[in-house]
């Protein structure tokens, strides 16, 4: 799935939640709990809108050039004075 498919699915879910809360509000009245849940659903709706904007700007940002790394082995002379991690230098002993 692409990011836009996921965003569409989330937006549909949030809209379904808001519709369900509207039905509950009709059945239960506009008590504190229902108003609080509706406010949370509104915040989710706004957050999804912000995610859409972020995805749109991220998609338009230029991608960095890819760097190809050769599979050829490195020159062993690069490692002559390197320490083995956790083991120390080859010519010394642990205290």
PDB file of N, CA and C in Angstrom:
ATOM      1  N   UNK A   1       0.834  -1.182   0.000  1.00  0.00           N
ATOM      2  CA  UNK A   1       0.000   0.000   0.000  1.00  0.00           C
ATOM      3  C   UNK A   1       0.875   1.240   0.000  1.00  0.00           C
ATOM      4  N   UNK A   2       0.413   2.239  -0.679  1.00  0.00           N
ATOM      5  CA  UNK A   2       1.157   3.494  -0.688  1.00  0.00           C
ATOM      6  C   UNK A   2       0.737   4.344   0.507  1.00  0.00           C
ATOM      7  N   UNK A   3       1.481   5.391   0.737  1.00  0.00           N
ATOM      8  CA  UNK A   3       1.174   6.315   1.827  1.00  0.00           C
ATOM      9  C   UNK A   3      -0.201   6.920   1.603  1.00  0.00           C
ATOM     10  N   UNK A   4      -0.523   7.239   0.364  1.00  0.00           N
ATOM     11  CA  UNK A   4      -1.806   7.871   0.078  1.00  0.00           C
ATOM     12  C   UNK A   4      -2.958   6.906   0.294  1.00  0.00           C
ATOM     13  N   UNK A   5      -2.762   5.626   0.000  1.00  0.00           N
ATOM     14  CA  UNK A   5      -3.790   4.629   0.293  1.00  0.00           C
ATOM     15  C   UNK A   5      -4.022   4.535   1.799  1.00  0.00           C
ATOM     16  N   UNK A   6      -2.936   4.520   2.552  1.00  0.00           N
ATOM     17  CA  UNK A   6      -3.059   4.460   4.011  1.00  0.00           C
ATOM     18  C   UNK A   6      -3.754   5.706   4.556  1.00  0.00           C
ATOM     19  N   UNK A   7      -3.393   6.871   4.034  1.00  0.00           N
ATOM     20  CA  UNK A   7      -4.036   8.104   4.482  1.00  0.00           C
ATOM     21  C   UNK A   7      -5.523   8.103   4.148  1.00  0.00           C
ATOM     22  N   UNK A   8      -5.873   7.611   2.963  1.00  0.00           N
ATOM     23  CA  UNK A   8      -7.287   7.529   2.603  1.00  0.00           C
ATOM     24  C   UNK A   8      -8.039   6.599   3.543  1.00  0.00           C
ATOM     25  N   UNK A   9      -7.428   5.473   3.895  1.00  0.00           N
ATOM     26  CA  UNK A   9      -8.066   4.520   4.799  1.00  0.00           C
ATOM     27  C   UNK A   9      -8.259   5.141   6.187  1.00  0.00           C
ATOM     28  N   UNK A  10      -7.249   5.850   6.668  1.00  0.00           N
ATOM     29  CA  UNK A  10      -7.355   6.501   7.970  1.00  0.00           C
ATOM     30  C   UNK A  10      -8.440   7.570   7.932  1.00  0.00           C
ATOM     31  N   UNK A  11      -8.481   8.345   6.862  1.00  0.00           N
ATOM     32  CA  UNK A  11      -9.488   9.394   6.767  1.00  0.00           C
ATOM     33  C   UNK A  11     -10.896   8.797   6.737  1.00  0.00           C
ATOM     34  N   UNK A  12     -11.086   7.700   5.993  1.00  0.00           N
ATOM     35  CA  UNK A  12     -12.398   7.046   5.976  1.00  0.00           C
ATOM     36  C   UNK A  12     -12.777   6.551   7.366  1.00  0.00           C
ATOM     37  N   UNK A  13     -11.811   6.005   8.080  1.00  0.00           N
ATOM     38  CA  UNK A  13     -12.072   5.515   9.436  1.00  0.00           C
ATOM     39  C   UNK A  13     -12.465   6.653  10.372  1.00  0.00           C
ATOM     40  N   UNK A  14     -11.774   7.766  10.263  1.00  0.00           N
ATOM     41  CA  UNK A  14     -12.098   8.923  11.107  1.00  0.00           C
ATOM     42  C   UNK A  14     -13.487   9.442  10.762  1.00  0.00           C
ATOM     43  N   UNK A  15     -13.831   9.484   9.477  1.00  0.00           N
ATOM     44  CA  UNK A  15     -15.167   9.942   9.085  1.00  0.00           C
ATOM     45  C   UNK A  15     -16.236   8.965   9.580  1.00  0.00           C
ATOM     46  N   UNK A  16     -15.958   7.659   9.526  1.00  0.00           N
ATOM     47  CA  UNK A  16     -16.891   6.670  10.073  1.00  0.00           C
ATOM     48  C   UNK A  16     -17.069   6.877  11.576  1.00  0.00           C
ATOM     49  N   UNK A  17     -15.976   7.151  12.264  1.00  0.00           N
ATOM     50  CA  UNK A  17     -16.036   7.425  13.696  1.00  0.00           C
ATOM     51  C   UNK A  17     -16.907   8.649  13.976  1.00  0.00           C
ATOM     52  N   UNK A  18     -16.722   9.697  13.208  1.00  0.00           N
ATOM     53  CA  UNK A  18     -17.509  10.919  13.421  1.00  0.00           C
ATOM     54  C   UNK A  18     -18.992  10.673  13.177  1.00  0.00           C
ATOM     55  N   UNK A  19     -19.329   9.873  12.140  1.00  0.00           N
ATOM     56  CA  UNK A  19     -20.730   9.549  11.886  1.00  0.00           C
ATOM     57  C   UNK A  19     -21.316   8.722  13.030  1.00  0.00           C
ATOM     58  N   UNK A  20     -20.553   7.765  13.514  1.00  0.00           N
ATOM     59  CA  UNK A  20     -21.018   6.938  14.636  1.00  0.00           C
ATOM     60  C   UNK A  20     -21.222   7.778  15.893  1.00  0.00           C
ATOM     61  N   UNK A  21     -20.313   8.697  16.125  1.00  0.00           N
ATOM     62  CA  UNK A  21     -20.476   9.581  17.275  1.00  0.00           C
ATOM     63  C   UNK A  21     -21.705  10.462  17.127  1.00  0.00           C
ATOM     64  N   UNK A  22     -22.013  10.882  15.903  1.00  0.00           N
ATOM     65  CA  UNK A  22     -23.222  11.663  15.667  1.00  0.00           C
ATOM     66  C   UNK A  22     -24.477  10.863  16.003  1.00  0.00           C
ATOM     67  N   UNK A  23     -24.494   9.580  15.630  1.00  0.00           N
ATOM     68  CA  UNK A  23     -25.640   8.725  15.966  1.00  0.00           C
ATOM     69  C   UNK A  23     -25.741   8.525  17.474  1.00  0.00           C
ATOM     70  N   UNK A  24     -24.580   8.315  18.124  1.00  0.00           N
ATOM     71  CA  UNK A  24     -24.596   8.182  19.578  1.00  0.00           C
ATOM     72  C   UNK A  24     -25.085   9.451  20.259  1.00  0.00           C
ATOM     73  N   UNK A  25     -24.707  10.573  19.729  1.00  0.00           N
ATOM     74  CA  UNK A  25     -25.124  11.846  20.306  1.00  0.00           C
ATOM     75  C   UNK A  25     -26.640  11.995  20.220  1.00  0.00           C
ATOM     76  N   UNK A  26     -27.218  11.525  19.133  1.00  0.00           N
ATOM     77  CA  UNK A  26     -28.675  11.576  19.006  1.00  0.00           C
ATOM     78  C   UNK A  26     -29.350  10.643  20.009  1.00  0.00           C
ATOM     79  N   UNK A  27     -28.741   9.499  20.266  1.00  0.00           N
ATOM     80  CA  UNK A  27     -29.338   8.526  21.177  1.00  0.00           C
ATOM     81  C   UNK A  27     -29.094   8.873  22.646  1.00  0.00           C
ATOM     82  N   UNK A  28     -27.904   9.356  22.967  1.00  0.00           N
ATOM     83  CA  UNK A  28     -27.533   9.598  24.356  1.00  0.00           C
ATOM     84  C   UNK A  28     -27.666  11.049  24.781  1.00  0.00           C
ATOM     85  N   UNK A  29     -27.780  11.942  23.838  1.00  0.00           N
ATOM     86  CA  UNK A  29     -27.782  13.361  24.163  1.00  0.00           C
ATOM     87  C   UNK A  29     -26.372  13.917  24.119  1.00  0.00           C
ATOM     88  N   UNK A  30     -26.260  15.191  24.329  1.00  0.00           N
ATOM     89  CA  UNK A  30     -24.966  15.865  24.206  1.00  0.00           C
ATOM     90  C   UNK A  30     -24.236  15.970  25.521  1.00  0.00           C
ATOM     91  N   UNK A  31     -24.088  14.861  26.227  1.00  0.00           N
ATOM     92  CA  UNK A  31     -23.389  14.870  27.506  1.00  0.00           C
ATOM     93  C   UNK A  31     -21.900  15.139  27.337  1.00  0.00           C
ATOM     94  N   UNK A  32     -21.241  15.263  28.463  1.00  0.00           N
ATOM     95  CA  UNK A  32     -19.814  15.572  28.481  1.00  0.00           C
ATOM     96  C   UNK A  32     -19.003  14.518  27.740  1.00  0.00           C
ATOM     97  N   UNK A  33     -19.340  13.244  27.947  1.00  0.00           N
ATOM     98  CA  UNK A  33     -18.586  12.165  27.326  1.00  0.00           C
ATOM     99  C   UNK A  33     -18.683  12.214  25.805  1.00  0.00           C
ATOM    100  N   UNK A  34     -19.886  12.479  25.300  1.00  0.00           N
ATOM    101  CA  UNK A  34     -20.084  12.536  23.848  1.00  0.00           C
ATOM    102  C   UNK A  34     -19.367  13.742  23.264  1.00  0.00           C
ATOM    103  N   UNK A  35     -19.464  14.883  23.937  1.00  0.00           N
ATOM    104  CA  UNK A  35     -18.772  16.093  23.442  1.00  0.00           C
ATOM    105  C   UNK A  35     -17.263  15.876  23.435  1.00  0.00           C
ATOM    106  N   UNK A  36     -16.764  15.208  24.467  1.00  0.00           N
ATOM    107  CA  UNK A  36     -15.328  14.949  24.544  1.00  0.00           C
ATOM    108  C   UNK A  36     -14.883  14.016  23.412  1.00  0.00           C
ATOM    109  N   UNK A  37     -15.652  12.965  23.161  1.00  0.00           N
ATOM    110  CA  UNK A  37     -15.316  12.038  22.080  1.00  0.00           C
ATOM    111  C   UNK A  37     -15.385  12.744  20.727  1.00  0.00           C
ATOM    112  N   UNK A  38     -16.379  13.616  20.540  1.00  0.00           N
ATOM    113  CA  UNK A  38     -16.488  14.355  19.282  1.00  0.00           C
ATOM    114  C   UNK A  38     -15.296  15.290  19.104  1.00  0.00           C
ATOM    115  N   UNK A  39     -14.868  15.918  20.175  1.00  0.00           N
ATOM    116  CA  UNK A  39     -13.695  16.800  20.110  1.00  0.00           C
ATOM    117  C   UNK A  39     -12.448  16.004  19.743  1.00  0.00           C
ATOM    118  N   UNK A  40     -12.297  14.817  20.332  1.00  0.00           N
ATOM    119  CA  UNK A  40     -11.156  13.964  19.989  1.00  0.00           C
ATOM    120  C   UNK A  40     -11.196  13.563  18.513  1.00  0.00           C
ATOM    121  N   UNK A  41     -12.394  13.242  18.012  1.00  0.00           N
ATOM    122  CA  UNK A  41     -12.534  12.874  16.601  1.00  0.00           C
ATOM    123  C   UNK A  41     -12.187  14.060  15.705  1.00  0.00           C
ATOM    124  N   UNK A  42     -12.570  15.261  16.122  1.00  0.00           N
ATOM    125  CA  UNK A  42     -12.215  16.456  15.342  1.00  0.00           C
ATOM    126  C   UNK A  42     -10.708  16.669  15.319  1.00  0.00           C
ATOM    127  N   UNK A  43     -10.054  16.399  16.454  1.00  0.00           N
ATOM    128  CA  UNK A  43      -8.586  16.519  16.488  1.00  0.00           C
ATOM    129  C   UNK A  43      -7.941  15.485  15.563  1.00  0.00           C
ATOM    130  N   UNK A  44      -8.492  14.281  15.551  1.00  0.00           N
ATOM    131  CA  UNK A  44      -7.971  13.253  14.636  1.00  0.00           C
ATOM    132  C   UNK A  44      -8.123  13.698  13.184  1.00  0.00           C
ATOM    133  N   UNK A  45      -9.251  14.287  12.875  1.00  0.00           N
ATOM    134  CA  UNK A  45      -9.491  14.770  11.501  1.00  0.00           C
ATOM    135  C   UNK A  45      -8.442  15.814  11.117  1.00  0.00           C
ATOM    136  N   UNK A  46      -8.171  16.746  12.039  1.00  0.00           N
ATOM    137  CA  UNK A  46      -7.161  17.770  11.772  1.00  0.00           C
ATOM    138  C   UNK A  46      -5.770  17.150  11.631  1.00  0.00           C
ATOM    139  N   UNK A  47      -5.474  16.158  12.448  1.00  0.00           N
ATOM    140  CA  UNK A  47      -4.167  15.505  12.382  1.00  0.00           C
ATOM    141  C   UNK A  47      -3.978  14.780  11.053  1.00  0.00           C
ATOM    142  N   UNK A  48      -5.039  14.149  10.554  1.00  0.00           N
ATOM    143  CA  UNK A  48      -4.951  13.473   9.262  1.00  0.00           C
ATOM    144  C   UNK A  48      -4.712  14.495   8.152  1.00  0.00           C
ATOM    145  N   UNK A  49      -5.351  15.653   8.257  1.00  0.00           N
ATOM    146  CA  UNK A  49      -5.127  16.710   7.270  1.00  0.00           C
ATOM    147  C   UNK A  49      -3.666  17.166   7.301  1.00  0.00           C
ATOM    148  N   UNK A  50      -3.099  17.285   8.497  1.00  0.00           N
ATOM    149  CA  UNK A  50      -1.684  17.671   8.610  1.00  0.00           C
ATOM    150  C   UNK A  50      -0.774  16.585   8.033  1.00  0.00           C
ATOM    151  N   UNK A  51      -1.134  15.330   8.258  1.00  0.00           N
ATOM    152  CA  UNK A  51      -0.347  14.234   7.678  1.00  0.00           C
ATOM    153  C   UNK A  51      -0.391  14.272   6.156  1.00  0.00           C
ATOM    154  N   UNK A  52      -1.554  14.588   5.602  1.00  0.00           N
ATOM    155  CA  UNK A  52      -1.671  14.706   4.137  1.00  0.00           C
ATOM    156  C   UNK A  52      -0.754  15.795   3.603  1.00  0.00           C
ATOM    157  N   UNK A  53      -0.749  16.942   4.292  1.00  0.00           N
ATOM    158  CA  UNK A  53       0.123  18.043   3.862  1.00  0.00           C
ATOM    159  C   UNK A  53       1.595  17.634   3.945  1.00  0.00           C
ATOM    160  N   UNK A  54       1.951  16.960   5.025  1.00  0.00           N
ATOM    161  CA  UNK A  54       3.345  16.536   5.189  1.00  0.00           C
ATOM    162  C   UNK A  54       3.724  15.525   4.112  1.00  0.00           C
ATOM    163  N   UNK A  55       2.825  14.610   3.787  1.00  0.00           N
ATOM    164  CA  UNK A  55       3.110  13.621   2.746  1.00  0.00           C
ATOM    165  C   UNK A  55       3.235  14.288   1.381  1.00  0.00           C
ATOM    166  N   UNK A  56       2.417  15.317   1.142  1.00  0.00           N
ATOM    167  CA  UNK A  56       2.480  16.011  -0.146  1.00  0.00           C
ATOM    168  C   UNK A  56       3.791  16.775  -0.299  1.00  0.00           C
ATOM    169  N   UNK A  57       4.243  17.421   0.768  1.00  0.00           N
ATOM    170  CA  UNK A  57       5.503  18.174   0.665  1.00  0.00           C
ATOM    171  C   UNK A  57       6.697  17.235   0.641  1.00  0.00           C
ATOM    172  N   UNK A  58       6.590  16.102   1.336  1.00  0.00           N
ATOM    173  CA  UNK A  58       7.696  15.142   1.334  1.00  0.00           C
ATOM    174  C   UNK A  58       7.832  14.494  -0.036  1.00  0.00           C
ATOM    175  N   UNK A  59       6.722  14.227  -0.676  1.00  0.00           N
ATOM    176  CA  UNK A  59       6.759  13.609  -1.994  1.00  0.00           C
ATOM    177  C   UNK A  59       7.338  14.524  -3.053  1.00  0.00           C
ATOM    178  N   UNK A  60       7.223  15.838  -2.856  1.00  0.00           N
ATOM    179  CA  UNK A  60       7.732  16.770  -3.858  1.00  0.00           C
ATOM    180  C   UNK A  60       9.181  17.181  -3.598  1.00  0.00           C
ATOM    181  N   UNK A  61       9.719  16.789  -2.437  1.00  0.00           N
ATOM    182  CA  UNK A  61      11.105  17.146  -2.131  1.00  0.00           C
ATOM    183  C   UNK A  61      12.052  16.351  -3.030  1.00  0.00           C
ATOM    184  N   UNK A  62      13.108  16.976  -3.490  1.00  0.00           N
ATOM    185  CA  UNK A  62      14.049  16.260  -4.360  1.00  0.00           C
ATOM    186  C   UNK A  62      14.743  15.142  -3.599  1.00  0.00           C
ATOM    187  N   UNK A  63      14.881  14.015  -4.253  1.00  0.00           N
ATOM    188  CA  UNK A  63      15.571  12.880  -3.642  1.00  0.00           C
ATOM    189  C   UNK A  63      17.068  13.033  -3.863  1.00  0.00           C
ATOM    190  N   UNK A  64      17.857  12.673  -2.860  1.00  0.00           N
ATOM    191  CA  UNK A  64      19.312  12.757  -3.046  1.00  0.00           C
ATOM    192  C   UNK A  64      19.772  11.708  -4.050  1.00  0.00           C
ATOM    193  N   UNK A  65      20.857  12.008  -4.715  1.00  0.00           N
ATOM    194  CA  UNK A  65      21.416  11.053  -5.670  1.00  0.00           C
ATOM    195  C   UNK A  65      21.893   9.808  -4.929  1.00  0.00           C
ATOM    196  N   UNK A  66      21.651   8.673  -5.542  1.00  0.00           N
ATOM    197  CA  UNK A  66      22.098   7.425  -4.945  1.00  0.00           C
ATOM    198  C   UNK A  66      23.574   7.208  -5.238  1.00  0.00           C
ATOM    199  N   UNK A  67      24.273   6.661  -4.264  1.00  0.00           N
ATOM    200  CA  UNK A  67      25.695   6.372  -4.417  1.00  0.00           C
ATOM    201  C   UNK A  67      25.848   4.871  -4.515  1.00  0.00           C
ATOM    202  N   UNK A  68      26.481   4.418  -5.559  1.00  0.00           N
ATOM    203  CA  UNK A  68      26.707   2.991  -5.753  1.00  0.00           C
ATOM    204  C   UNK A  68      27.965   2.578  -5.010  1.00  0.00           C
ATOM    205  N   UNK A  69      27.846   1.518  -4.224  1.00  0.00           N
ATOM    206  CA  UNK A  69      28.984   0.995  -3.479  1.00  0.00           C
ATOM    207  C   UNK A  69      29.368  -0.337  -4.097  1.00  0.00           C
ATOM    208  N   UNK A  70      30.603  -0.454  -4.448  1.00  0.00           N
ATOM    209  CA  UNK A  70      31.094  -1.651  -5.118  1.00  0.00           C
ATOM    210  C   UNK A  70      31.082  -2.847  -4.182  1.00  0.00           C
ATOM    211  N   UNK A  71      30.858  -4.022  -4.748  1.00  0.00           N
ATOM    212  CA  UNK A  71      30.915  -5.261  -3.973  1.00  0.00           C
ATOM    213  C   UNK A  71      32.332  -5.825  -3.886  1.00  0.00           C
ATOM    214  N   UNK A  72      33.273  -5.187  -4.536  1.00  0.00           N
ATOM    215  CA  UNK A  72      34.661  -5.651  -4.518  1.00  0.00           C
ATOM    216  C   UNK A  72      35.212  -5.519  -3.097  1.00  0.00           C
ATOM    217  N   UNK A  73      36.078  -6.432  -2.677  1.00  0.00           N
ATOM    218  CA  UNK A  73      36.639  -6.353  -1.325  1.00  0.00           C
ATOM    219  C   UNK A  73      37.511  -5.103  -1.160  1.00  0.00           C
ATOM    220  N   UNK A  74      37.537  -4.606   0.072  1.00  0.00           N
ATOM    221  CA  UNK A  74      38.372  -3.444   0.368  1.00  0.00           C
ATOM    222  C   UNK A  74      39.847  -3.838   0.367  1.00  0.00           C
ATOM    223  N   UNK A  75      40.681  -2.854   0.164  1.00  0.00           N
ATOM    224  CA  UNK A  75      42.121  -3.055   0.244  1.00  0.00           C
ATOM    225  C   UNK A  75      42.478  -3.357   1.705  1.00  0.00           C
ATOM    226  N   UNK A  76      43.128  -4.478   1.962  1.00  0.00           N
ATOM    227  CA  UNK A  76      43.444  -4.887   3.331  1.00  0.00           C
ATOM    228  C   UNK A  76      44.392  -3.923   4.032  1.00  0.00           C
ATOM    229  N   UNK A  77      45.134  -3.123   3.276  1.00  0.00           N
ATOM    230  CA  UNK A  77      46.056  -2.174   3.909  1.00  0.00           C
ATOM    231  C   UNK A  77      45.291  -1.071   4.655  1.00  0.00           C
ATOM    232  N   UNK A  78      44.005  -0.925   4.390  1.00  0.00           N
ATOM    233  CA  UNK A  78      43.211   0.065   5.120  1.00  0.00           C
ATOM    234  C   UNK A  78      43.062  -0.319   6.591  1.00  0.00           C
ATOM    235  N   UNK A  79      43.187  -1.602   6.894  1.00  0.00           N
ATOM    236  CA  UNK A  79      42.905  -2.091   8.240  1.00  0.00           C
ATOM    237  C   UNK A  79      44.175  -2.444   9.030  1.00  0.00           C
ATOM    238  N   UNK A  80      45.353  -2.077   8.554  1.00  0.00           N
ATOM    239  CA  UNK A  80      46.581  -2.515   9.218  1.00  0.00           C
ATOM    240  C   UNK A  80      46.719  -1.983  10.638  1.00  0.00           C
ATOM    241  N   UNK A  81      46.335  -0.756  10.909  1.00  0.00           N
ATOM    242  CA  UNK A  81      46.516  -0.204  12.250  1.00  0.00           C
ATOM    243  C   UNK A  81      45.196  -0.113  13.025  1.00  0.00           C
ATOM    244  N   UNK A  82      44.170  -0.803  12.566  1.00  0.00           N
ATOM    245  CA  UNK A  82      42.872  -0.750  13.233  1.00  0.00           C
ATOM    246  C   UNK A  82      42.827  -1.741  14.397  1.00  0.00           C
ATOM    247  N   UNK A  83      42.104  -1.381  15.444  1.00  0.00           N
ATOM    248  CA  UNK A  83      41.900  -2.269  16.587  1.00  0.00           C
ATOM    249  C   UNK A  83      40.647  -3.099  16.344  1.00  0.00           C
ATOM    250  N   UNK A  84      40.674  -4.341  16.795  1.00  0.00           N
ATOM    251  CA  UNK A  84      39.471  -5.171  16.760  1.00  0.00           C
ATOM    252  C   UNK A  84      38.591  -4.725  17.920  1.00  0.00           C
ATOM    253  N   UNK A  85      37.363  -4.383  17.607  1.00  0.00           N
ATOM    254  CA  UNK A  85      36.476  -3.867  18.634  1.00  0.00           C
ATOM    255  C   UNK A  85      36.303  -4.889  19.750  1.00  0.00           C
ATOM    256  N   UNK A  86      36.547  -4.456  20.968  1.00  0.00           N
ATOM    257  CA  UNK A  86      36.407  -5.314  22.128  1.00  0.00           C
ATOM    258  C   UNK A  86      37.630  -6.173  22.404  1.00  0.00           C
ATOM    259  N   UNK A  87      38.535  -6.297  21.439  1.00  0.00           N
ATOM    260  CA  UNK A  87      39.715  -7.150  21.627  1.00  0.00           C
ATOM    261  C   UNK A  87      40.985  -6.340  21.794  1.00  0.00           C
ATOM    262  N   UNK A  88      40.982  -5.122  21.359  1.00  0.00           N
ATOM    263  CA  UNK A  88      42.160  -4.273  21.471  1.00  0.00           C
ATOM    264  C   UNK A  88      43.099  -4.477  20.287  1.00  0.00           C
ATOM    265  N   UNK A  89      44.257  -3.916  20.417  1.00  0.00           N
ATOM    266  CA  UNK A  89      45.246  -3.990  19.342  1.00  0.00           C
ATOM    267  C   UNK A  89      45.847  -5.395  19.282  1.00  0.00           C
ATOM    268  N   UNK A  90      46.314  -5.798  18.116  1.00  0.00           N
ATOM    269  CA  UNK A  90      46.858  -7.144  17.917  1.00  0.00           C
ATOM    270  C   UNK A  90      48.168  -7.378  18.646  1.00  0.00           C
ATOM    271  N   UNK A  91      48.971  -6.302  18.795  1.00  0.00           N
ATOM    272  CA  UNK A  91      50.301  -6.500  19.372  1.00  0.00           C
ATOM    273  C   UNK A  91      50.335  -6.243  20.890  1.00  0.00           C
ATOM    274  N   UNK A  92      49.189  -6.023  21.512  1.00  0.00           N
ATOM    275  CA  UNK A  92      49.131  -5.780  22.964  1.00  0.00           C
ATOM    276  C   UNK A  92      48.238  -6.806  23.625  1.00  0.00           C
ATOM    277  N   UNK A  93      48.461  -7.000  24.910  1.00  0.00           N
ATOM    278  CA  UNK A  93      47.654  -7.936  25.696  1.00  0.00           C
ATOM    279  C   UNK A  93      46.799  -7.161  26.668  1.00  0.00           C
ATOM    280  N   UNK A  94      45.696  -7.737  27.049  1.00  0.00           N
ATOM    281  CA  UNK A  94      44.816  -7.100  28.031  1.00  0.00           C
ATOM    282  C   UNK A  94      45.499  -7.076  29.379  1.00  0.00           C
ATOM    283  N   UNK A  95      45.235  -6.086  30.215  1.00  0.00           N
ATOM    284  CA  UNK A  95      45.886  -5.996  31.542  1.00  0.00           C
ATOM    285  C   UNK A  95      45.412  -7.114  32.451  1.00  0.00           C
TER     286      UNK A  95
END
